[in-house]
Amino acid sequence: MNPSDTDSSYQTIDLSKLRDIGWTLWDPISLLGTAESKQQWYSDRNLPFADEYDAYLVSAANALRNGAPAQQVVDYLVHIETQHMCLTERPDTRSRAKAVVTAILADDSIWFDSGGSPG
């Protein structure tokens, strides 16, 4: 999974819904704060970094859409967090990645065909 291979997919994915999933369930850097003070990614003060995880989430969603095993995509998100972002693996790292994968698989409404209809 290479995020640079996913540029065209921005046209077929409801990025807002994908961000809802990523920011709510993953947010490895905790940019939106802790669970007690969690904010929304689309709040004015958060818009400058709202796209922080887009490439990873689009890559994960495309992989799942193309039939990649869920565990492979979980491993990808864990790798991004622990190797690419150089964050220490926390007790909830895997469960957060798994929650993202589960949510993407469960929400067909994040996909649109070329005509803009839900896919």
C-alpha atoms as a PDB file:
ATOM      1  CA  MET A   1       0.000   0.000   0.000  1.00  0.00           C
ATOM      2  CA  ASN A   2       1.543   3.189  -1.181  1.00  0.00           C
ATOM      3  CA  PRO A   3      -0.331   6.415  -0.387  1.00  0.00           C
ATOM      4  CA  SER A   4       1.015   8.003  -3.570  1.00  0.00           C
ATOM      5  CA  ASP A   5      -0.937   5.396  -5.557  1.00  0.00           C
ATOM      6  CA  THR A   6      -4.229   6.674  -4.166  1.00  0.00           C
ATOM      7  CA  ASP A   7      -4.453  10.226  -5.525  1.00  0.00           C
ATOM      8  CA  SER A   8      -7.298   9.436  -7.934  1.00  0.00           C
ATOM      9  CA  SER A   9      -9.284   7.760  -5.174  1.00  0.00           C
ATOM     10  CA  TYR A  10      -9.996  11.129  -3.538  1.00  0.00           C
ATOM     11  CA  GLN A  11     -12.646  11.476  -6.250  1.00  0.00           C
ATOM     12  CA  THR A  12     -14.396   8.234  -5.289  1.00  0.00           C
ATOM     13  CA  ILE A  13     -14.228   8.381  -1.506  1.00  0.00           C
ATOM     14  CA  ASP A  14     -16.350  10.546   0.745  1.00  0.00           C
ATOM     15  CA  LEU A  15     -13.319  12.002   2.478  1.00  0.00           C
ATOM     16  CA  SER A  16     -15.446  13.608   5.167  1.00  0.00           C
ATOM     17  CA  LYS A  17     -16.831  10.226   6.241  1.00  0.00           C
ATOM     18  CA  LEU A  18     -13.378   8.655   6.076  1.00  0.00           C
ATOM     19  CA  ARG A  19     -12.020  11.469   8.247  1.00  0.00           C
ATOM     20  CA  ASP A  20     -14.853  10.915  10.730  1.00  0.00           C
ATOM     21  CA  ILE A  21     -13.713   7.302  11.047  1.00  0.00           C
ATOM     22  CA  GLY A  22     -10.006   8.094  11.241  1.00  0.00           C
ATOM     23  CA  TRP A  23     -10.229  10.987  13.651  1.00  0.00           C
ATOM     24  CA  THR A  24     -12.770   9.305  15.906  1.00  0.00           C
ATOM     25  CA  LEU A  25     -11.198   5.858  16.064  1.00  0.00           C
ATOM     26  CA  TRP A  26      -7.497   6.280  15.265  1.00  0.00           C
ATOM     27  CA  ASP A  27      -5.849   9.745  15.722  1.00  0.00           C
ATOM     28  CA  PRO A  28      -2.436   8.272  16.644  1.00  0.00           C
ATOM     29  CA  ILE A  29      -0.884  11.665  17.381  1.00  0.00           C
ATOM     30  CA  SER A  30      -3.882  12.708  19.541  1.00  0.00           C
ATOM     31  CA  LEU A  31      -4.168  16.003  17.716  1.00  0.00           C
ATOM     32  CA  LEU A  32      -7.799  16.357  18.761  1.00  0.00           C
ATOM     33  CA  GLY A  33      -7.019  15.855  22.430  1.00  0.00           C
ATOM     34  CA  THR A  34      -7.739  13.125  24.902  1.00  0.00           C
ATOM     35  CA  ALA A  35     -10.979  11.164  25.156  1.00  0.00           C
ATOM     36  CA  GLU A  36     -12.182  13.573  27.836  1.00  0.00           C
ATOM     37  CA  SER A  37     -11.549  16.688  25.743  1.00  0.00           C
ATOM     38  CA  LYS A  38     -12.025  15.259  22.243  1.00  0.00           C
ATOM     39  CA  GLN A  39     -12.879  17.827  19.572  1.00  0.00           C
ATOM     40  CA  GLN A  40     -14.149  17.438  16.010  1.00  0.00           C
ATOM     41  CA  TRP A  41     -11.695  17.423  13.102  1.00  0.00           C
ATOM     42  CA  TYR A  42     -13.906  19.894  11.207  1.00  0.00           C
ATOM     43  CA  SER A  43     -13.881  22.556  13.944  1.00  0.00           C
ATOM     44  CA  ASP A  44     -12.366  25.799  12.666  1.00  0.00           C
ATOM     45  CA  ARG A  45      -9.303  25.517  14.882  1.00  0.00           C
ATOM     46  CA  ASN A  46      -8.606  21.981  13.599  1.00  0.00           C
ATOM     47  CA  LEU A  47      -9.028  22.597   9.860  1.00  0.00           C
ATOM     48  CA  PRO A  48      -5.334  23.444   9.299  1.00  0.00           C
ATOM     49  CA  PHE A  49      -4.440  19.823  10.066  1.00  0.00           C
ATOM     50  CA  ALA A  50      -7.685  18.049   9.104  1.00  0.00           C
ATOM     51  CA  ASP A  51      -5.886  16.255   6.258  1.00  0.00           C
ATOM     52  CA  GLU A  52      -3.099  14.907   8.503  1.00  0.00           C
ATOM     53  CA  TYR A  53      -4.128  11.248   8.110  1.00  0.00           C
ATOM     54  CA  ASP A  54      -5.834  11.370   4.698  1.00  0.00           C
ATOM     55  CA  ALA A  55      -3.165   9.530   2.710  1.00  0.00           C
ATOM     56  CA  TYR A  56      -3.030   6.663   5.211  1.00  0.00           C
ATOM     57  CA  LEU A  57      -6.804   6.351   5.504  1.00  0.00           C
ATOM     58  CA  VAL A  58      -7.358   6.508   1.738  1.00  0.00           C
ATOM     59  CA  SER A  59      -4.652   3.906   1.220  1.00  0.00           C
ATOM     60  CA  ALA A  60      -6.233   1.639   3.840  1.00  0.00           C
ATOM     61  CA  ALA A  61      -9.739   2.108   2.414  1.00  0.00           C
ATOM     62  CA  ASN A  62      -8.574   1.410  -1.138  1.00  0.00           C
ATOM     63  CA  ALA A  63      -6.751  -1.717  -0.037  1.00  0.00           C
ATOM     64  CA  LEU A  64      -9.889  -3.005   1.669  1.00  0.00           C
ATOM     65  CA  ARG A  65     -12.028  -2.080  -1.345  1.00  0.00           C
ATOM     66  CA  ASN A  66      -9.609  -4.027  -3.556  1.00  0.00           C
ATOM     67  CA  GLY A  67      -9.871  -7.145  -1.387  1.00  0.00           C
ATOM     68  CA  ALA A  68      -6.863  -6.895   0.923  1.00  0.00           C
ATOM     69  CA  PRO A  69      -7.298  -8.969   4.080  1.00  0.00           C
ATOM     70  CA  ALA A  70      -8.442  -6.896   7.052  1.00  0.00           C
ATOM     71  CA  GLN A  71      -5.453  -8.017   9.125  1.00  0.00           C
ATOM     72  CA  GLN A  72      -3.058  -6.752   6.451  1.00  0.00           C
ATOM     73  CA  VAL A  73      -4.653  -3.307   6.633  1.00  0.00           C
ATOM     74  CA  VAL A  74      -4.590  -3.347  10.440  1.00  0.00           C
ATOM     75  CA  ASP A  75      -0.874  -4.169  10.215  1.00  0.00           C
ATOM     76  CA  TYR A  76      -0.406  -1.314   7.725  1.00  0.00           C
ATOM     77  CA  LEU A  77      -1.981   1.227  10.104  1.00  0.00           C
ATOM     78  CA  VAL A  78       0.074  -0.105  13.019  1.00  0.00           C
ATOM     79  CA  HIS A  79       3.208   0.171  10.850  1.00  0.00           C
ATOM     80  CA  ILE A  80       2.344   3.758   9.906  1.00  0.00           C
ATOM     81  CA  GLU A  81       1.872   4.668  13.545  1.00  0.00           C
ATOM     82  CA  THR A  82       4.898   2.870  14.986  1.00  0.00           C
ATOM     83  CA  GLN A  83       7.438   3.024  12.155  1.00  0.00           C
ATOM     84  CA  HIS A  84       6.530   5.965   9.926  1.00  0.00           C
ATOM     85  CA  MET A  85       5.366   8.266  12.734  1.00  0.00           C
ATOM     86  CA  CYS A  86       7.924   6.731  15.110  1.00  0.00           C
ATOM     87  CA  LEU A  87       5.411   6.453  17.931  1.00  0.00           C
ATOM     88  CA  THR A  88       5.738   3.804  20.607  1.00  0.00           C
ATOM     89  CA  GLU A  89       3.207   1.018  20.276  1.00  0.00           C
ATOM     90  CA  ARG A  90       0.638   1.544  23.019  1.00  0.00           C
ATOM     91  CA  PRO A  91      -1.725  -1.018  24.518  1.00  0.00           C
ATOM     92  CA  ASP A  92      -4.524   0.299  22.272  1.00  0.00           C
ATOM     93  CA  THR A  93      -2.549   0.703  19.025  1.00  0.00           C
ATOM     94  CA  ARG A  94      -3.821  -2.502  17.425  1.00  0.00           C
ATOM     95  CA  SER A  95      -7.372  -2.146  18.680  1.00  0.00           C
ATOM     96  CA  ARG A  96      -7.620   1.393  17.273  1.00  0.00           C
ATOM     97  CA  ALA A  97      -6.303   0.224  13.892  1.00  0.00           C
ATOM     98  CA  LYS A  98      -8.730  -2.699  13.930  1.00  0.00           C
ATOM     99  CA  ALA A  99     -11.619  -0.356  14.783  1.00  0.00           C
ATOM    100  CA  VAL A 100     -10.771   1.785  11.743  1.00  0.00           C
ATOM    101  CA  VAL A 101     -10.699  -1.250   9.454  1.00  0.00           C
ATOM    102  CA  THR A 102     -13.976  -2.557  10.866  1.00  0.00           C
ATOM    103  CA  ALA A 103     -15.653   0.839  10.426  1.00  0.00           C
ATOM    104  CA  ILE A 104     -14.450   1.227   6.837  1.00  0.00           C
ATOM    105  CA  LEU A 105     -15.674  -2.250   5.951  1.00  0.00           C
ATOM    106  CA  ALA A 106     -19.039  -1.564   7.575  1.00  0.00           C
ATOM    107  CA  ASP A 107     -19.726   1.744   5.789  1.00  0.00           C
ATOM    108  CA  ASP A 108     -20.412   1.342   2.071  1.00  0.00           C
ATOM    109  CA  SER A 109     -21.574   4.959   1.939  1.00  0.00           C
ATOM    110  CA  ILE A 110     -17.963   6.215   1.897  1.00  0.00           C
ATOM    111  CA  TRP A 111     -17.697   5.089  -1.748  1.00  0.00           C
ATOM    112  CA  PHE A 112     -19.031   6.900  -4.823  1.00  0.00           C
ATOM    113  CA  ASP A 113     -18.952   5.801  -8.444  1.00  0.00           C
ATOM    114  CA  SER A 114     -17.674   8.166 -11.121  1.00  0.00           C
ATOM    115  CA  GLY A 115     -21.157   9.684 -11.444  1.00  0.00           C
ATOM    116  CA  GLY A 116     -21.313  10.579  -7.764  1.00  0.00           C
ATOM    117  CA  SER A 117     -23.761   7.859  -6.784  1.00  0.00           C
ATOM    118  CA  PRO A 118     -23.068   5.777  -3.683  1.00  0.00           C
ATOM    119  CA  GLY A 119     -21.018   2.777  -4.688  1.00  0.00           C
END
